[in-house]
Amino acid sequence: MIRVALADDQALVRAGFRMILESQPDIQVAGEAADGQQAVELVGREHPDVTLMDIRMPRLDGIAATRQIAGLTRVVILTTYELDEYVFDALAAGASAFLLKAAPPEELIRAIRIVASGDALLAPSVTRRLIEEFAKRPLPVARKPVQLETLTERELEVLREVARGYTNAEIAGRLHVSETTIKTHVAHLLDKLELRDRVQAVILAYEAGLVG
């Protein structure tokens, strides 16, 4: 059973999400929060597998709340706007997925199952926005974690492709290997770099100056 916490300042929105989630036999709503502070308290109390997090909320916004709870629960960021200027900051804070509130119910369910399984939902369009956001920001001092030195040449190559927004299937085609091989490389590099998912891998690759 996947336990999900709902964090949104609009009661009607929370009620709508609750109806969608409770229609699924493998999903249970662990509780609701009307602001970021309540979300932090709810996660600390209930330890849900996944938290649906709105960005713009009173008292404590979704980004600050995500930063506090990302180590305790998988966070799916919900927003009304596809080009929300806070999306990058939310993902950098530790979110595992980004979803529009206007997305169809089946997409919400799919996102929850994906992040609950330990993966990240980072659509190519979101990756492109991350890249565009990096391009607009002052160049950071490239920091290369010592763990990067443990990667093989092939794993570094795969990491660069992930950071450019390619899916496993696309990387497999570009490198002329099977998709299963790419999945294995991705799993190994995440493990070596002590990263939770592809979102963190994209951010690290840019901060380390591997792509630009």
Protein backbone atom coordinates (compact mmCIF):
# COMPACT_ATOMS: atom_id res chain seq x y z
CA MET A 1 0.00 0.00 0.00
CA ILE A 2 1.33 3.44 -0.99
CA ARG A 3 0.59 6.05 1.68
CA VAL A 4 0.25 9.60 0.33
CA ALA A 5 0.12 12.96 2.13
CA LEU A 6 -1.64 15.93 0.48
CA ALA A 7 -0.29 19.47 0.94
CA ASP A 8 -2.27 22.30 -0.70
CA ASP A 9 -3.80 25.46 0.71
CA GLN A 10 -7.05 24.94 -1.22
CA ALA A 11 -9.47 22.54 0.46
CA LEU A 12 -11.29 21.80 -2.82
CA VAL A 13 -8.04 20.82 -4.50
CA ARG A 14 -7.15 18.47 -1.63
CA ALA A 15 -10.65 16.96 -1.76
CA GLY A 16 -10.30 16.34 -5.49
CA PHE A 17 -6.93 14.64 -5.08
CA ARG A 18 -8.28 12.55 -2.19
CA MET A 19 -11.16 11.27 -4.36
CA ILE A 20 -8.76 10.31 -7.16
CA LEU A 21 -6.30 8.56 -4.85
CA GLU A 22 -8.88 6.71 -2.78
CA SER A 23 -10.31 5.19 -5.97
CA GLN A 24 -7.10 3.16 -6.26
CA PRO A 25 -6.81 -0.13 -4.34
CA ASP A 26 -3.06 0.29 -3.73
CA ILE A 27 -3.10 3.93 -2.52
CA GLN A 28 -4.13 5.32 0.87
CA VAL A 29 -4.29 9.01 1.90
CA ALA A 30 -2.16 9.46 5.03
CA GLY A 31 -3.42 12.96 5.82
CA GLU A 32 -3.84 16.54 4.59
CA ALA A 33 -1.97 19.80 5.19
CA ALA A 34 -3.12 23.34 4.35
CA ASP A 35 0.36 24.90 4.40
CA GLY A 36 4.03 23.99 4.34
CA GLN A 37 4.44 23.93 8.09
CA GLN A 38 1.52 21.54 8.49
CA ALA A 39 3.05 19.40 5.72
CA VAL A 40 6.35 19.11 7.61
CA GLU A 41 4.50 18.15 10.79
CA LEU A 42 2.28 15.67 8.93
CA VAL A 43 5.24 13.91 7.32
CA GLY A 44 7.09 13.75 10.63
CA ARG A 45 4.04 12.20 12.25
CA GLU A 46 2.73 9.85 9.53
CA HIS A 47 5.86 9.02 7.47
CA PRO A 48 4.00 8.78 4.13
CA ASP A 49 5.70 7.15 1.15
CA VAL A 50 4.83 10.09 -1.12
CA THR A 51 3.80 13.71 -0.48
CA LEU A 52 1.92 15.78 -3.07
CA MET A 53 3.26 19.31 -2.50
CA ASP A 54 1.89 22.59 -3.78
CA ILE A 55 4.54 25.28 -4.23
CA ARG A 56 2.71 28.44 -3.20
CA MET A 57 1.33 28.05 0.30
CA PRO A 58 1.12 30.28 3.41
CA ARG A 59 3.43 30.16 6.45
CA LEU A 60 5.99 27.89 4.76
CA ASP A 61 6.09 27.50 0.99
CA GLY A 62 6.36 24.16 -0.76
CA ILE A 63 10.04 24.60 -1.59
CA ALA A 64 11.09 25.22 2.01
CA ALA A 65 8.86 22.37 3.17
CA THR A 66 10.32 20.02 0.55
CA ARG A 67 13.84 20.88 1.70
CA GLN A 68 12.88 19.77 5.23
CA ILE A 69 11.11 16.52 4.37
CA ALA A 70 12.87 15.22 1.22
CA GLY A 71 14.85 12.76 3.32
CA LEU A 72 11.68 11.33 4.88
CA THR A 73 9.28 11.05 1.94
CA ARG A 74 9.25 11.21 -1.84
CA VAL A 75 7.89 14.59 -2.96
CA VAL A 76 5.77 15.23 -6.05
CA ILE A 77 5.60 18.96 -6.77
CA LEU A 78 2.22 20.23 -7.96
CA THR A 79 1.83 23.55 -9.72
CA THR A 80 -0.72 25.41 -11.81
CA TYR A 81 1.82 26.80 -14.23
CA GLU A 82 4.08 24.77 -16.50
CA LEU A 83 6.71 27.51 -16.50
CA ASP A 84 6.57 28.12 -12.76
CA GLU A 85 9.75 29.99 -11.89
CA TYR A 86 10.08 27.95 -8.73
CA VAL A 87 10.19 24.53 -10.38
CA PHE A 88 13.99 24.43 -10.51
CA ASP A 89 14.30 25.40 -6.86
CA ALA A 90 11.75 22.78 -5.85
CA LEU A 91 13.58 20.02 -7.70
CA ALA A 92 16.89 21.21 -6.28
CA ALA A 93 15.32 21.05 -2.81
CA GLY A 94 14.82 17.32 -3.24
CA ALA A 95 11.55 16.77 -5.11
CA SER A 96 11.33 13.59 -7.20
CA ALA A 97 8.65 14.67 -9.66
CA PHE A 98 6.91 17.69 -11.11
CA LEU A 99 3.27 17.61 -12.16
CA LEU A 100 0.72 20.12 -13.40
CA LYS A 101 -2.51 20.32 -11.40
CA ALA A 102 -4.33 20.17 -14.73
CA ALA A 103 -2.82 16.77 -15.51
CA PRO A 104 -5.35 13.94 -15.99
CA PRO A 105 -6.00 11.68 -12.98
CA GLU A 106 -4.20 8.72 -14.54
CA GLU A 107 -1.04 10.82 -14.84
CA LEU A 108 -1.20 11.71 -11.15
CA ILE A 109 -1.62 8.04 -10.22
CA ARG A 110 1.27 7.08 -12.49
CA ALA A 111 3.53 9.74 -10.96
CA ILE A 112 2.80 8.51 -7.44
CA ARG A 113 3.54 4.90 -8.34
CA ILE A 114 6.75 5.83 -10.13
CA VAL A 115 8.23 7.86 -7.27
CA ALA A 116 6.99 5.37 -4.66
CA SER A 117 8.99 2.69 -6.49
CA GLY A 118 12.13 4.76 -6.01
CA ASP A 119 12.37 6.35 -9.44
CA ALA A 120 11.95 9.97 -10.52
CA LEU A 121 9.44 11.41 -12.94
CA LEU A 122 11.50 13.87 -14.92
CA ALA A 123 9.91 14.42 -18.30
CA PRO A 124 12.13 15.73 -21.10
CA SER A 125 10.19 19.03 -21.04
CA VAL A 126 11.06 19.47 -17.37
CA THR A 127 14.69 18.59 -18.03
CA ARG A 128 14.76 21.25 -20.75
CA ARG A 129 13.43 23.82 -18.28
CA LEU A 130 16.14 22.82 -15.82
CA ILE A 131 18.74 23.34 -18.53
CA GLU A 132 17.24 26.69 -19.53
CA GLU A 133 17.23 27.76 -15.89
CA PHE A 134 20.90 26.83 -15.53
CA ALA A 135 21.69 28.79 -18.68
CA LYS A 136 20.09 31.94 -17.22
CA ARG A 137 21.93 31.73 -13.91
CA PRO A 138 25.48 32.95 -13.25
CA LEU A 139 27.92 30.11 -13.82
CA PRO A 140 28.56 28.39 -10.50
CA VAL A 141 32.02 27.38 -9.47
CA ALA A 142 32.12 23.82 -10.77
CA ARG A 143 32.27 21.47 -7.83
CA LYS A 144 33.28 17.95 -8.67
CA PRO A 145 32.34 15.50 -5.92
CA VAL A 146 35.10 13.02 -5.22
CA GLN A 147 32.64 10.25 -6.12
CA LEU A 148 32.77 11.36 -9.79
CA GLU A 149 36.24 9.89 -9.92
CA THR A 150 34.75 6.46 -9.22
CA LEU A 151 32.65 6.50 -12.40
CA THR A 152 33.79 4.64 -15.48
CA GLU A 153 34.11 6.51 -18.79
CA ARG A 154 30.86 4.90 -19.95
CA GLU A 155 29.03 5.90 -16.76
CA LEU A 156 30.23 9.50 -17.19
CA GLU A 157 29.01 9.41 -20.77
CA VAL A 158 25.59 8.15 -19.64
CA LEU A 159 25.44 10.81 -16.91
CA ARG A 160 26.03 13.54 -19.50
CA GLU A 161 23.26 12.13 -21.68
CA VAL A 162 20.87 11.99 -18.70
CA ALA A 163 21.70 15.63 -17.94
CA ARG A 164 20.90 16.59 -21.54
CA GLY A 165 17.37 15.29 -21.04
CA TYR A 166 17.49 12.02 -22.96
CA THR A 167 15.45 9.03 -21.81
CA ASN A 168 17.04 5.60 -21.28
CA ALA A 169 15.71 4.46 -24.65
CA GLU A 170 17.12 7.51 -26.42
CA ILE A 171 20.51 7.11 -24.71
CA ALA A 172 20.57 3.45 -25.72
CA GLY A 173 20.01 4.47 -29.35
CA ARG A 174 22.67 7.17 -29.22
CA LEU A 175 25.27 4.87 -27.65
CA HIS A 176 24.25 1.78 -29.66
CA VAL A 177 23.58 -0.47 -26.67
CA SER A 178 20.45 -2.00 -25.16
CA GLU A 179 18.07 -0.05 -22.94
CA THR A 180 18.68 -2.62 -20.18
CA THR A 181 22.41 -1.80 -20.32
CA ILE A 182 21.65 1.92 -19.91
CA LYS A 183 19.34 1.21 -16.96
CA THR A 184 22.19 -0.71 -15.34
CA HIS A 185 24.65 2.15 -15.93
CA VAL A 186 22.19 4.68 -14.48
CA ALA A 187 21.62 2.52 -11.40
CA HIS A 188 25.39 2.14 -10.87
CA LEU A 189 26.17 5.84 -11.25
CA LEU A 190 23.35 6.86 -8.90
CA ASP A 191 24.68 4.39 -6.35
CA LYS A 192 28.29 5.56 -6.69
CA LEU A 193 27.31 9.24 -6.48
CA GLU A 194 24.95 8.56 -3.57
CA LEU A 195 22.07 10.19 -5.43
CA ARG A 196 18.41 9.41 -4.98
CA ASP A 197 17.27 9.76 -8.60
CA ARG A 198 17.73 11.30 -12.06
CA VAL A 199 16.69 14.74 -10.85
CA GLN A 200 19.66 14.93 -8.52
CA ALA A 201 21.90 13.49 -11.25
CA VAL A 202 20.94 16.29 -13.67
CA ILE A 203 21.60 18.96 -11.05
CA LEU A 204 24.95 17.46 -10.02
CA ALA A 205 26.09 17.14 -13.64
CA TYR A 206 25.51 20.85 -14.24
CA GLU A 207 27.02 21.93 -10.93
CA ALA A 208 30.07 19.78 -11.66
CA GLY A 209 30.48 21.36 -15.08
CA LEU A 210 30.02 18.06 -16.96
CA VAL A 211 27.62 19.68 -19.40
CA GLY A 212 26.89 23.24 -20.37
